[in-house]
């Protein structure tokens, strides 16, 4: 089983920046950042394939940048020009695809979450 640990959350004023990190305990495939605000559904913020292909939610395009270091099993999210509406718990997600003759399956892993709070 793969474990994911997020870090880097905190309190910042509107317009400020934060950098989130997610470290996986082993090799994973596609990774993504999700966030969930109180009373709202969890939403996809940004995703990145193992080869570095990225995708972003419209609400964060141009402000957030997702990256990864496969050698370190790490994914990062650079968040700039933060807005109060970015306030949420941010979760790291990773998928592991296993397709061999002996074993086959798609595995989905989640971190514990890190709080990001943006004050007006």
N, C-alpha and C. Protein backbone atom coordinates (compact mmCIF):
# COMPACT_ATOMS: atom_id res chain seq x y z
N UNK A 1 0.84 -1.18 0.00
CA UNK A 1 0.00 0.00 0.00
C UNK A 1 0.88 1.25 0.00
N UNK A 2 0.49 2.24 -0.77
CA UNK A 2 1.21 3.49 -0.86
C UNK A 2 0.62 4.50 0.12
N UNK A 3 1.49 5.18 0.84
CA UNK A 3 1.07 6.24 1.74
C UNK A 3 1.45 7.59 1.16
N UNK A 4 0.57 8.57 1.32
CA UNK A 4 0.80 9.91 0.83
C UNK A 4 0.77 10.89 1.99
N UNK A 5 1.73 11.79 2.03
CA UNK A 5 1.80 12.78 3.10
C UNK A 5 1.91 14.16 2.50
N UNK A 6 0.94 15.02 2.82
CA UNK A 6 0.95 16.40 2.34
C UNK A 6 1.58 17.32 3.38
N UNK A 7 2.12 18.43 2.90
CA UNK A 7 2.67 19.45 3.77
C UNK A 7 2.64 20.78 3.05
N UNK A 8 2.85 21.86 3.78
CA UNK A 8 2.97 23.17 3.18
C UNK A 8 1.76 24.07 3.34
N UNK A 9 0.69 23.56 3.90
CA UNK A 9 -0.48 24.39 4.11
C UNK A 9 -0.23 25.44 5.18
N UNK A 10 -1.13 26.41 5.24
CA UNK A 10 -0.98 27.46 6.22
C UNK A 10 -1.93 28.60 5.97
N UNK A 11 -1.67 29.69 6.65
CA UNK A 11 -2.48 30.90 6.54
C UNK A 11 -1.73 31.95 5.75
N UNK A 12 -2.40 32.54 4.78
CA UNK A 12 -1.79 33.57 3.96
C UNK A 12 -2.84 34.61 3.60
N UNK A 13 -2.39 35.84 3.40
CA UNK A 13 -3.30 36.90 2.99
C UNK A 13 -3.60 36.80 1.50
N UNK A 14 -4.72 37.37 1.11
CA UNK A 14 -5.10 37.41 -0.29
C UNK A 14 -3.95 37.98 -1.13
N UNK A 15 -3.65 37.30 -2.22
CA UNK A 15 -2.56 37.72 -3.09
C UNK A 15 -1.24 37.04 -2.78
N UNK A 16 -1.18 36.32 -1.68
CA UNK A 16 0.04 35.65 -1.28
C UNK A 16 0.23 34.32 -1.98
N UNK A 17 1.28 33.60 -1.57
CA UNK A 17 1.62 32.33 -2.20
C UNK A 17 1.89 31.26 -1.16
N UNK A 18 1.64 30.02 -1.55
CA UNK A 18 1.98 28.85 -0.76
C UNK A 18 2.44 27.76 -1.71
N UNK A 19 3.27 26.87 -1.19
CA UNK A 19 3.72 25.73 -1.97
C UNK A 19 3.42 24.46 -1.19
N UNK A 20 2.56 23.62 -1.75
CA UNK A 20 2.20 22.36 -1.14
C UNK A 20 3.06 21.23 -1.69
N UNK A 21 3.34 20.25 -0.86
CA UNK A 21 4.11 19.09 -1.28
C UNK A 21 3.39 17.82 -0.87
N UNK A 22 3.53 16.80 -1.67
CA UNK A 22 2.99 15.49 -1.38
C UNK A 22 4.08 14.47 -1.66
N UNK A 23 4.41 13.68 -0.66
CA UNK A 23 5.43 12.65 -0.80
C UNK A 23 4.78 11.28 -0.71
N UNK A 24 5.01 10.47 -1.72
CA UNK A 24 4.50 9.11 -1.74
C UNK A 24 5.56 8.14 -1.22
N UNK A 25 5.12 7.07 -0.60
CA UNK A 25 6.04 6.10 -0.03
C UNK A 25 6.63 5.17 -1.08
N UNK A 26 6.10 5.23 -2.29
CA UNK A 26 6.60 4.40 -3.36
C UNK A 26 6.19 4.95 -4.71
N UNK A 27 6.49 4.21 -5.75
CA UNK A 27 6.18 4.64 -7.10
C UNK A 27 4.67 4.67 -7.34
N UNK A 28 4.19 5.76 -7.94
CA UNK A 28 2.80 5.89 -8.33
C UNK A 28 2.72 6.40 -9.76
N UNK A 29 1.54 6.37 -10.32
CA UNK A 29 1.35 6.83 -11.69
C UNK A 29 0.79 8.25 -11.68
N UNK A 30 -0.42 8.46 -12.16
CA UNK A 30 -0.98 9.80 -12.17
C UNK A 30 -1.20 10.32 -10.75
N UNK A 31 -0.97 11.61 -10.56
CA UNK A 31 -1.18 12.25 -9.27
C UNK A 31 -2.04 13.49 -9.46
N UNK A 32 -2.68 13.92 -8.40
CA UNK A 32 -3.55 15.07 -8.49
C UNK A 32 -3.74 15.73 -7.13
N UNK A 33 -4.10 16.99 -7.18
CA UNK A 33 -4.50 17.73 -5.99
C UNK A 33 -6.00 17.97 -6.04
N UNK A 34 -6.67 17.66 -4.96
CA UNK A 34 -8.08 17.97 -4.77
C UNK A 34 -8.21 18.92 -3.59
N UNK A 35 -9.34 19.59 -3.51
CA UNK A 35 -9.60 20.42 -2.34
C UNK A 35 -11.07 20.32 -1.96
N UNK A 36 -11.33 20.56 -0.69
CA UNK A 36 -12.69 20.51 -0.19
C UNK A 36 -12.89 21.59 0.86
N UNK A 37 -13.82 22.49 0.57
CA UNK A 37 -14.18 23.53 1.51
C UNK A 37 -15.35 23.04 2.36
N UNK A 38 -15.55 23.61 3.55
CA UNK A 38 -16.65 23.18 4.41
C UNK A 38 -17.99 23.26 3.70
N UNK A 39 -18.76 22.18 3.77
CA UNK A 39 -20.07 22.15 3.17
C UNK A 39 -20.09 21.98 1.67
N UNK A 40 -18.93 21.78 1.07
CA UNK A 40 -18.86 21.63 -0.37
C UNK A 40 -18.28 20.27 -0.75
N UNK A 41 -18.47 19.90 -2.00
CA UNK A 41 -17.92 18.65 -2.50
C UNK A 41 -16.43 18.80 -2.79
N UNK A 42 -15.74 17.70 -2.73
CA UNK A 42 -14.34 17.70 -3.09
C UNK A 42 -14.20 17.92 -4.59
N UNK A 43 -13.30 18.81 -4.98
CA UNK A 43 -13.13 19.13 -6.38
C UNK A 43 -11.68 18.93 -6.81
N UNK A 44 -11.52 18.59 -8.07
CA UNK A 44 -10.19 18.43 -8.64
C UNK A 44 -9.59 19.80 -8.93
N UNK A 45 -8.38 20.02 -8.45
CA UNK A 45 -7.68 21.28 -8.64
C UNK A 45 -6.68 21.19 -9.78
N UNK A 46 -5.84 20.18 -9.74
CA UNK A 46 -4.81 20.01 -10.75
C UNK A 46 -4.38 18.56 -10.79
N UNK A 47 -3.97 18.11 -11.96
CA UNK A 47 -3.51 16.74 -12.11
C UNK A 47 -2.25 16.71 -12.95
N UNK A 48 -1.49 15.65 -12.80
CA UNK A 48 -0.26 15.51 -13.57
C UNK A 48 0.03 14.03 -13.79
N UNK A 49 0.34 13.69 -15.03
CA UNK A 49 0.69 12.31 -15.34
C UNK A 49 2.13 12.06 -14.98
N UNK A 50 2.53 10.81 -15.05
CA UNK A 50 3.90 10.46 -14.73
C UNK A 50 4.88 11.14 -15.68
N UNK A 51 4.45 11.40 -16.92
CA UNK A 51 5.29 12.07 -17.90
C UNK A 51 5.23 13.59 -17.81
N UNK A 52 4.40 14.11 -16.91
CA UNK A 52 4.37 15.54 -16.70
C UNK A 52 3.28 16.30 -17.43
N UNK A 53 2.31 15.62 -18.00
CA UNK A 53 1.19 16.30 -18.63
C UNK A 53 0.25 16.80 -17.55
N UNK A 54 -0.08 18.08 -17.59
CA UNK A 54 -0.86 18.70 -16.53
C UNK A 54 -2.23 19.15 -17.00
N UNK A 55 -3.12 19.29 -16.03
CA UNK A 55 -4.45 19.84 -16.27
C UNK A 55 -4.88 20.59 -15.02
N UNK A 56 -5.67 21.66 -15.21
CA UNK A 56 -6.07 22.50 -14.10
C UNK A 56 -7.55 22.82 -14.16
N UNK A 57 -8.12 23.02 -12.98
CA UNK A 57 -9.47 23.54 -12.91
C UNK A 57 -9.46 24.98 -13.43
N UNK A 58 -10.55 25.38 -14.05
CA UNK A 58 -10.62 26.74 -14.61
C UNK A 58 -10.37 27.80 -13.54
N UNK A 59 -10.80 27.54 -12.33
CA UNK A 59 -10.70 28.52 -11.26
C UNK A 59 -9.26 28.81 -10.83
N UNK A 60 -8.32 27.94 -11.18
CA UNK A 60 -6.93 28.13 -10.74
C UNK A 60 -5.95 28.30 -11.89
N UNK A 61 -6.42 28.21 -13.11
CA UNK A 61 -5.54 28.35 -14.26
C UNK A 61 -4.82 29.70 -14.24
N UNK A 62 -3.53 29.66 -14.49
CA UNK A 62 -2.73 30.87 -14.50
C UNK A 62 -2.20 31.26 -13.14
N UNK A 63 -2.71 30.63 -12.08
CA UNK A 63 -2.28 30.96 -10.72
C UNK A 63 -1.55 29.81 -10.05
N UNK A 64 -1.97 28.59 -10.34
CA UNK A 64 -1.38 27.39 -9.73
C UNK A 64 -0.54 26.64 -10.75
N UNK A 65 0.52 26.01 -10.27
CA UNK A 65 1.36 25.18 -11.11
C UNK A 65 1.66 23.87 -10.39
N UNK A 66 1.35 22.75 -11.03
CA UNK A 66 1.62 21.45 -10.44
C UNK A 66 2.86 20.85 -11.11
N UNK A 67 3.68 20.19 -10.32
CA UNK A 67 4.89 19.57 -10.84
C UNK A 67 5.15 18.30 -10.05
N UNK A 68 6.09 17.50 -10.53
CA UNK A 68 6.44 16.28 -9.81
C UNK A 68 7.89 15.90 -10.05
N UNK A 69 8.41 15.14 -9.12
CA UNK A 69 9.76 14.60 -9.20
C UNK A 69 9.62 13.10 -8.97
N UNK A 70 9.69 12.34 -10.05
CA UNK A 70 9.46 10.91 -9.95
C UNK A 70 10.54 10.20 -9.12
N UNK A 71 11.76 10.70 -9.17
CA UNK A 71 12.83 10.08 -8.41
C UNK A 71 12.58 10.19 -6.91
N UNK A 72 11.93 11.28 -6.50
CA UNK A 72 11.63 11.49 -5.09
C UNK A 72 10.19 11.14 -4.73
N UNK A 73 9.43 10.64 -5.69
CA UNK A 73 8.02 10.29 -5.49
C UNK A 73 7.25 11.48 -4.91
N UNK A 74 7.52 12.65 -5.44
CA UNK A 74 6.97 13.88 -4.88
C UNK A 74 6.18 14.68 -5.92
N UNK A 75 5.07 15.24 -5.48
CA UNK A 75 4.30 16.17 -6.29
C UNK A 75 4.17 17.47 -5.52
N UNK A 76 4.25 18.59 -6.25
CA UNK A 76 4.14 19.90 -5.63
C UNK A 76 3.04 20.71 -6.29
N UNK A 77 2.53 21.67 -5.54
CA UNK A 77 1.56 22.61 -6.08
C UNK A 77 1.97 24.00 -5.65
N UNK A 78 2.44 24.79 -6.60
CA UNK A 78 2.79 26.17 -6.34
C UNK A 78 1.53 27.01 -6.54
N UNK A 79 1.10 27.68 -5.50
CA UNK A 79 -0.12 28.47 -5.53
C UNK A 79 0.23 29.94 -5.37
N UNK A 80 -0.04 30.72 -6.40
CA UNK A 80 0.22 32.15 -6.38
C UNK A 80 -1.09 32.92 -6.49
N UNK A 81 -1.03 34.19 -6.16
CA UNK A 81 -2.20 35.06 -6.24
C UNK A 81 -3.41 34.43 -5.57
N UNK A 82 -3.21 33.94 -4.37
CA UNK A 82 -4.27 33.23 -3.66
C UNK A 82 -5.44 34.14 -3.33
N UNK A 83 -6.62 33.55 -3.37
CA UNK A 83 -7.86 34.24 -3.09
C UNK A 83 -8.56 33.57 -1.92
N UNK A 84 -9.42 34.29 -1.21
CA UNK A 84 -10.17 33.67 -0.12
C UNK A 84 -10.94 32.42 -0.55
N UNK A 85 -11.43 32.40 -1.77
CA UNK A 85 -12.16 31.25 -2.26
C UNK A 85 -11.29 30.01 -2.47
N UNK A 86 -9.97 30.16 -2.35
CA UNK A 86 -9.07 29.02 -2.40
C UNK A 86 -8.98 28.30 -1.06
N UNK A 87 -9.57 28.89 -0.03
CA UNK A 87 -9.54 28.29 1.29
C UNK A 87 -10.21 26.92 1.29
N UNK A 88 -9.50 25.91 1.73
CA UNK A 88 -10.00 24.54 1.73
C UNK A 88 -8.95 23.62 2.31
N UNK A 89 -9.34 22.39 2.53
CA UNK A 89 -8.38 21.34 2.83
C UNK A 89 -7.94 20.75 1.50
N UNK A 90 -6.65 20.71 1.28
CA UNK A 90 -6.10 20.20 0.03
C UNK A 90 -5.60 18.79 0.23
N UNK A 91 -6.02 17.90 -0.66
CA UNK A 91 -5.68 16.49 -0.57
C UNK A 91 -4.84 16.04 -1.75
N UNK A 92 -3.86 15.24 -1.46
CA UNK A 92 -3.06 14.61 -2.50
C UNK A 92 -3.70 13.29 -2.89
N UNK A 93 -3.76 13.03 -4.18
CA UNK A 93 -4.30 11.78 -4.71
C UNK A 93 -3.29 11.16 -5.65
N UNK A 94 -3.18 9.85 -5.61
CA UNK A 94 -2.30 9.15 -6.52
C UNK A 94 -2.96 7.86 -6.97
N UNK A 95 -2.74 7.53 -8.22
CA UNK A 95 -3.26 6.30 -8.79
C UNK A 95 -2.10 5.39 -9.16
N UNK A 96 -2.34 4.10 -8.98
CA UNK A 96 -1.35 3.09 -9.33
C UNK A 96 -2.03 2.03 -10.18
N UNK A 97 -1.57 1.91 -11.40
CA UNK A 97 -2.16 0.97 -12.34
C UNK A 97 -1.31 -0.29 -12.40
N UNK A 98 -1.92 -1.42 -12.10
CA UNK A 98 -1.23 -2.70 -12.13
C UNK A 98 -1.93 -3.58 -13.15
N UNK A 99 -1.22 -3.91 -14.20
CA UNK A 99 -1.78 -4.75 -15.25
C UNK A 99 -0.73 -5.74 -15.72
N UNK A 100 -0.68 -6.85 -15.05
CA UNK A 100 0.22 -7.94 -15.41
C UNK A 100 -0.59 -9.22 -15.51
N UNK A 101 0.06 -10.26 -16.00
CA UNK A 101 -0.60 -11.55 -16.09
C UNK A 101 -0.98 -12.05 -14.70
N UNK A 102 -0.11 -11.79 -13.73
CA UNK A 102 -0.31 -12.29 -12.38
C UNK A 102 -1.28 -11.45 -11.56
N UNK A 103 -1.31 -10.16 -11.81
CA UNK A 103 -2.11 -9.25 -11.00
C UNK A 103 -2.58 -8.07 -11.83
N UNK A 104 -3.82 -7.67 -11.61
CA UNK A 104 -4.38 -6.54 -12.36
C UNK A 104 -5.32 -5.75 -11.46
N UNK A 105 -5.23 -4.43 -11.53
CA UNK A 105 -6.11 -3.59 -10.75
C UNK A 105 -5.71 -2.13 -10.81
N UNK A 106 -6.64 -1.28 -10.46
CA UNK A 106 -6.41 0.15 -10.37
C UNK A 106 -6.54 0.57 -8.91
N UNK A 107 -5.50 1.18 -8.37
CA UNK A 107 -5.49 1.55 -6.97
C UNK A 107 -5.47 3.06 -6.81
N UNK A 108 -6.23 3.54 -5.85
CA UNK A 108 -6.42 4.96 -5.60
C UNK A 108 -6.02 5.27 -4.16
N UNK A 109 -5.10 6.22 -3.99
CA UNK A 109 -4.60 6.54 -2.66
C UNK A 109 -4.83 8.01 -2.34
N UNK A 110 -5.04 8.30 -1.06
CA UNK A 110 -5.29 9.66 -0.59
C UNK A 110 -4.42 10.00 0.59
N UNK A 111 -3.98 11.25 0.64
CA UNK A 111 -3.28 11.75 1.80
C UNK A 111 -4.26 12.22 2.86
N UNK A 112 -3.73 12.70 3.98
CA UNK A 112 -4.57 13.12 5.10
C UNK A 112 -5.13 14.52 4.94
N UNK A 113 -4.58 15.29 4.03
CA UNK A 113 -5.03 16.65 3.79
C UNK A 113 -4.21 17.68 4.53
N UNK A 114 -4.12 18.87 3.95
CA UNK A 114 -3.45 19.99 4.59
C UNK A 114 -4.31 21.24 4.40
N UNK A 115 -4.46 22.00 5.47
CA UNK A 115 -5.35 23.16 5.46
C UNK A 115 -4.69 24.37 4.81
N UNK A 116 -5.39 24.99 3.89
CA UNK A 116 -4.98 26.25 3.30
C UNK A 116 -6.05 27.28 3.61
N UNK A 117 -5.65 28.37 4.25
CA UNK A 117 -6.58 29.43 4.59
C UNK A 117 -6.07 30.75 4.03
N UNK A 118 -6.91 31.40 3.25
CA UNK A 118 -6.56 32.68 2.65
C UNK A 118 -7.48 33.75 3.21
N UNK A 119 -6.91 34.71 3.91
CA UNK A 119 -7.69 35.78 4.50
C UNK A 119 -7.86 36.93 3.51
N UNK A 120 -8.95 37.68 3.62
CA UNK A 120 -9.20 38.78 2.69
C UNK A 120 -8.13 39.85 2.74
